[in-house]
C-alpha atoms as a PDB file:
ATOM      1  CA  MET A   1      12.259-107.528 -20.910  1.00  0.00           C
ATOM      2  CA  SER A   2      14.777-105.076 -22.210  1.00  0.00           C
ATOM      3  CA  SER A   3      15.952-102.151 -19.991  1.00  0.00           C
ATOM      4  CA  SER A   4      14.580 -98.805 -20.195  1.00  0.00           C
ATOM      5  CA  LEU A   5      16.457 -95.791 -21.454  1.00  0.00           C
ATOM      6  CA  PRO A   6      17.228 -92.748 -19.051  1.00  0.00           C
ATOM      7  CA  VAL A   7      15.365 -89.794 -20.492  1.00  0.00           C
ATOM      8  CA  PRO A   8      15.098 -86.238 -18.981  1.00  0.00           C
ATOM      9  CA  SER A   9      12.402 -85.803 -16.442  1.00  0.00           C
ATOM     10  CA  VAL A  10       9.496 -83.737 -17.627  1.00  0.00           C
ATOM     11  CA  GLN A  11       9.638 -82.100 -14.174  1.00  0.00           C
ATOM     12  CA  GLU A  12      13.253 -81.220 -14.586  1.00  0.00           C
ATOM     13  CA  LEU A  13      12.630 -79.862 -18.115  1.00  0.00           C
ATOM     14  CA  ALA A  14       9.943 -77.597 -16.800  1.00  0.00           C
ATOM     15  CA  LYS A  15      12.368 -75.741 -14.689  1.00  0.00           C
ATOM     16  CA  GLU A  16      13.883 -74.069 -17.603  1.00  0.00           C
ATOM     17  CA  PRO A  17      11.754 -71.957 -20.071  1.00  0.00           C
ATOM     18  CA  LEU A  18      10.947 -73.924 -23.135  1.00  0.00           C
ATOM     19  CA  THR A  19      10.182 -72.227 -26.517  1.00  0.00           C
ATOM     20  CA  THR A  20       9.151 -75.518 -28.143  1.00  0.00           C
ATOM     21  CA  LEU A  21       8.033 -78.968 -26.910  1.00  0.00           C
ATOM     22  CA  PRO A  22      10.772 -81.740 -27.196  1.00  0.00           C
ATOM     23  CA  LEU A  23       9.651 -83.961 -29.921  1.00  0.00           C
ATOM     24  CA  ARG A  24      10.015 -87.084 -27.722  1.00  0.00           C
ATOM     25  CA  TYR A  25       6.888 -85.920 -25.863  1.00  0.00           C
ATOM     26  CA  VAL A  26       4.765 -85.184 -28.923  1.00  0.00           C
ATOM     27  CA  ARG A  27       2.590 -88.166 -29.986  1.00  0.00           C
ATOM     28  CA  SER A  28       0.634 -86.850 -33.048  1.00  0.00           C
ATOM     29  CA  ASP A  29       0.004 -90.372 -33.908  1.00  0.00           C
ATOM     30  CA  GLN A  30      -2.163 -90.866 -30.708  1.00  0.00           C
ATOM     31  CA  ASP A  31      -2.951 -87.534 -28.996  1.00  0.00           C
ATOM     32  CA  PRO A  32      -5.220 -84.847 -30.347  1.00  0.00           C
ATOM     33  CA  PRO A  33      -3.408 -81.537 -30.647  1.00  0.00           C
ATOM     34  CA  PHE A  34      -3.304 -79.493 -27.536  1.00  0.00           C
ATOM     35  CA  THR A  35      -5.809 -76.732 -27.255  1.00  0.00           C
ATOM     36  CA  SER A  36      -6.011 -74.061 -24.492  1.00  0.00           C
ATOM     37  CA  ASN A  37      -9.777 -74.220 -24.497  1.00  0.00           C
ATOM     38  CA  ALA A  38     -10.286 -76.638 -21.484  1.00  0.00           C
ATOM     39  CA  THR A  39     -14.103 -77.006 -22.276  1.00  0.00           C
ATOM     40  CA  SER A  40     -13.183 -78.795 -25.433  1.00  0.00           C
ATOM     41  CA  LEU A  41     -11.214 -81.412 -23.716  1.00  0.00           C
ATOM     42  CA  PRO A  42     -13.044 -84.723 -23.217  1.00  0.00           C
ATOM     43  CA  PRO A  43     -14.090 -85.517 -19.504  1.00  0.00           C
ATOM     44  CA  LEU A  44     -11.772 -87.593 -17.257  1.00  0.00           C
ATOM     45  CA  PRO A  45     -13.336 -91.103 -16.894  1.00  0.00           C
ATOM     46  CA  VAL A  46     -15.090 -91.580 -13.630  1.00  0.00           C
ATOM     47  CA  ILE A  47     -15.530 -95.239 -12.373  1.00  0.00           C
ATOM     48  CA  ASP A  48     -17.844 -96.166  -9.597  1.00  0.00           C
ATOM     49  CA  LEU A  49     -16.233 -98.870  -7.500  1.00  0.00           C
ATOM     50  CA  GLN A  50     -19.582 -99.602  -5.639  1.00  0.00           C
ATOM     51  CA  LYS A  51     -21.247-100.488  -9.081  1.00  0.00           C
ATOM     52  CA  LEU A  52     -18.263-102.629  -9.925  1.00  0.00           C
ATOM     53  CA  LEU A  53     -18.355-104.598  -6.646  1.00  0.00           C
ATOM     54  CA  SER A  54     -22.178-104.926  -6.442  1.00  0.00           C
ATOM     55  CA  GLY A  55     -23.902-108.203  -7.214  1.00  0.00           C
ATOM     56  CA  ASP A  56     -25.897-106.453  -9.850  1.00  0.00           C
ATOM     57  CA  LEU A  57     -22.846-105.756 -12.048  1.00  0.00           C
ATOM     58  CA  THR A  58     -23.657-103.700 -14.922  1.00  0.00           C
ATOM     59  CA  ASP A  59     -21.803-104.111 -18.266  1.00  0.00           C
ATOM     60  CA  SER A  60     -21.855-100.364 -18.620  1.00  0.00           C
ATOM     61  CA  GLU A  61     -19.622 -99.836 -15.748  1.00  0.00           C
ATOM     62  CA  LEU A  62     -17.267-102.575 -16.944  1.00  0.00           C
ATOM     63  CA  ASP A  63     -17.193-100.970 -20.340  1.00  0.00           C
ATOM     64  CA  LYS A  64     -16.470 -97.691 -18.860  1.00  0.00           C
ATOM     65  CA  LEU A  65     -13.466 -99.165 -16.868  1.00  0.00           C
ATOM     66  CA  HIS A  66     -12.222-100.957 -19.884  1.00  0.00           C
ATOM     67  CA  ASP A  67     -12.384 -97.798 -22.101  1.00  0.00           C
ATOM     68  CA  ALA A  68     -10.642 -95.718 -19.235  1.00  0.00           C
ATOM     69  CA  CYS A  69      -7.768 -98.138 -19.112  1.00  0.00           C
ATOM     70  CA  LYS A  70      -7.470 -98.738 -22.781  1.00  0.00           C
ATOM     71  CA  GLU A  71      -7.978 -95.035 -23.959  1.00  0.00           C
ATOM     72  CA  TRP A  72      -6.751 -93.022 -21.091  1.00  0.00           C
ATOM     73  CA  GLY A  73      -4.510 -95.137 -18.866  1.00  0.00           C
ATOM     74  CA  PHE A  74      -6.048 -93.682 -15.791  1.00  0.00           C
ATOM     75  CA  PHE A  75      -9.394 -92.670 -14.262  1.00  0.00           C
ATOM     76  CA  GLN A  76     -11.083 -91.070 -11.251  1.00  0.00           C
ATOM     77  CA  LEU A  77     -12.440 -93.670  -8.943  1.00  0.00           C
ATOM     78  CA  ILE A  78     -15.473 -92.797  -6.576  1.00  0.00           C
ATOM     79  CA  ASN A  79     -17.281 -94.700  -3.962  1.00  0.00           C
ATOM     80  CA  HIS A  80     -14.210 -96.419  -2.825  1.00  0.00           C
ATOM     81  CA  GLY A  81     -14.645 -95.933   0.742  1.00  0.00           C
ATOM     82  CA  VAL A  82     -11.211 -94.257   1.503  1.00  0.00           C
ATOM     83  CA  SER A  83     -11.564 -91.147   3.793  1.00  0.00           C
ATOM     84  CA  SER A  84     -11.280 -87.802   2.240  1.00  0.00           C
ATOM     85  CA  SER A  85      -8.770 -86.926   4.944  1.00  0.00           C
ATOM     86  CA  LEU A  86      -6.469 -89.991   3.851  1.00  0.00           C
ATOM     87  CA  VAL A  87      -6.871 -89.023   0.197  1.00  0.00           C
ATOM     88  CA  GLU A  88      -5.783 -85.527   0.979  1.00  0.00           C
ATOM     89  CA  LYS A  89      -2.774 -86.537   3.076  1.00  0.00           C
ATOM     90  CA  VAL A  90      -1.566 -88.722   0.284  1.00  0.00           C
ATOM     91  CA  LYS A  91      -1.890 -85.916  -2.228  1.00  0.00           C
ATOM     92  CA  ILE A  92      -0.002 -83.573   0.112  1.00  0.00           C
ATOM     93  CA  GLU A  93       2.835 -86.179   0.768  1.00  0.00           C
ATOM     94  CA  THR A  94       3.024 -87.024  -3.180  1.00  0.00           C
ATOM     95  CA  GLN A  95       3.527 -83.227  -3.715  1.00  0.00           C
ATOM     96  CA  GLU A  96       6.191 -82.906  -1.113  1.00  0.00           C
ATOM     97  CA  PHE A  97       8.029 -85.873  -2.562  1.00  0.00           C
ATOM     98  CA  PHE A  98       7.932 -84.395  -6.202  1.00  0.00           C
ATOM     99  CA  ASN A  99       9.025 -81.121  -4.727  1.00  0.00           C
ATOM    100  CA  LEU A 100      12.312 -82.596  -3.360  1.00  0.00           C
ATOM    101  CA  PRO A 101      15.458 -81.919  -5.330  1.00  0.00           C
ATOM    102  CA  MET A 102      16.223 -84.574  -7.976  1.00  0.00           C
ATOM    103  CA  GLU A 103      19.221 -85.799  -6.106  1.00  0.00           C
ATOM    104  CA  GLU A 104      17.013 -86.597  -3.094  1.00  0.00           C
ATOM    105  CA  LYS A 105      14.344 -88.359  -5.365  1.00  0.00           C
ATOM    106  CA  LYS A 106      17.049 -90.415  -6.825  1.00  0.00           C
ATOM    107  CA  LYS A 107      17.357 -92.410  -3.660  1.00  0.00           C
ATOM    108  CA  TYR A 108      14.150 -94.024  -4.441  1.00  0.00           C
ATOM    109  CA  TRP A 109      15.106 -94.637  -8.079  1.00  0.00           C
ATOM    110  CA  GLN A 110      13.825 -97.822  -9.628  1.00  0.00           C
ATOM    111  CA  LYS A 111      16.395-100.643  -9.581  1.00  0.00           C
ATOM    112  CA  GLU A 112      17.183-102.354 -12.928  1.00  0.00           C
ATOM    113  CA  GLY A 113      14.667-104.936 -13.777  1.00  0.00           C
ATOM    114  CA  ASP A 114      12.244-103.670 -11.175  1.00  0.00           C
ATOM    115  CA  THR A 115       8.895-102.032 -11.832  1.00  0.00           C
ATOM    116  CA  GLU A 116       8.517-100.316  -8.532  1.00  0.00           C
ATOM    117  CA  GLY A 117      10.164 -96.948  -7.408  1.00  0.00           C
ATOM    118  CA  PHE A 118      10.700 -93.403  -8.725  1.00  0.00           C
ATOM    119  CA  GLY A 119      11.663 -93.094 -12.317  1.00  0.00           C
ATOM    120  CA  GLN A 120      10.641 -93.637 -15.978  1.00  0.00           C
ATOM    121  CA  LEU A 121       9.658 -97.198 -16.818  1.00  0.00           C
ATOM    122  CA  PHE A 122       9.315 -98.436 -20.315  1.00  0.00           C
ATOM    123  CA  VAL A 123      11.154 -95.827 -22.247  1.00  0.00           C
ATOM    124  CA  PHE A 124      12.763 -98.076 -25.016  1.00  0.00           C
ATOM    125  CA  SER A 125      13.515 -95.572 -27.843  1.00  0.00           C
ATOM    126  CA  GLU A 126      15.421 -92.304 -28.238  1.00  0.00           C
ATOM    127  CA  GLU A 127      12.488 -91.176 -30.380  1.00  0.00           C
END
């Protein structure tokens, strides 16, 4: 595996007013053009963990999971059994982390060759 390139953090870029979107973040070959009409956006995939874990596993839920991973890269998971208070606590602590100054966040930066930690993994091209 080759090492990833350091690129500007989107969060850091957002601190300054932008008049144009940097080309490195435009994926016209994959992403549909952005529209401000939120009703035209496709719905976020929702996966039901209980359906996936049940003995009566339906192909449709597996298909939904496959499509969510392949097309979106993420999904909302429901019926997972994690308490709403824990989910809320993780959301708050995550937001607090991302609100830290960059120098503080860099203490948790990914180590070379590692896939864990704060940072940007798999950026291999300046384009």
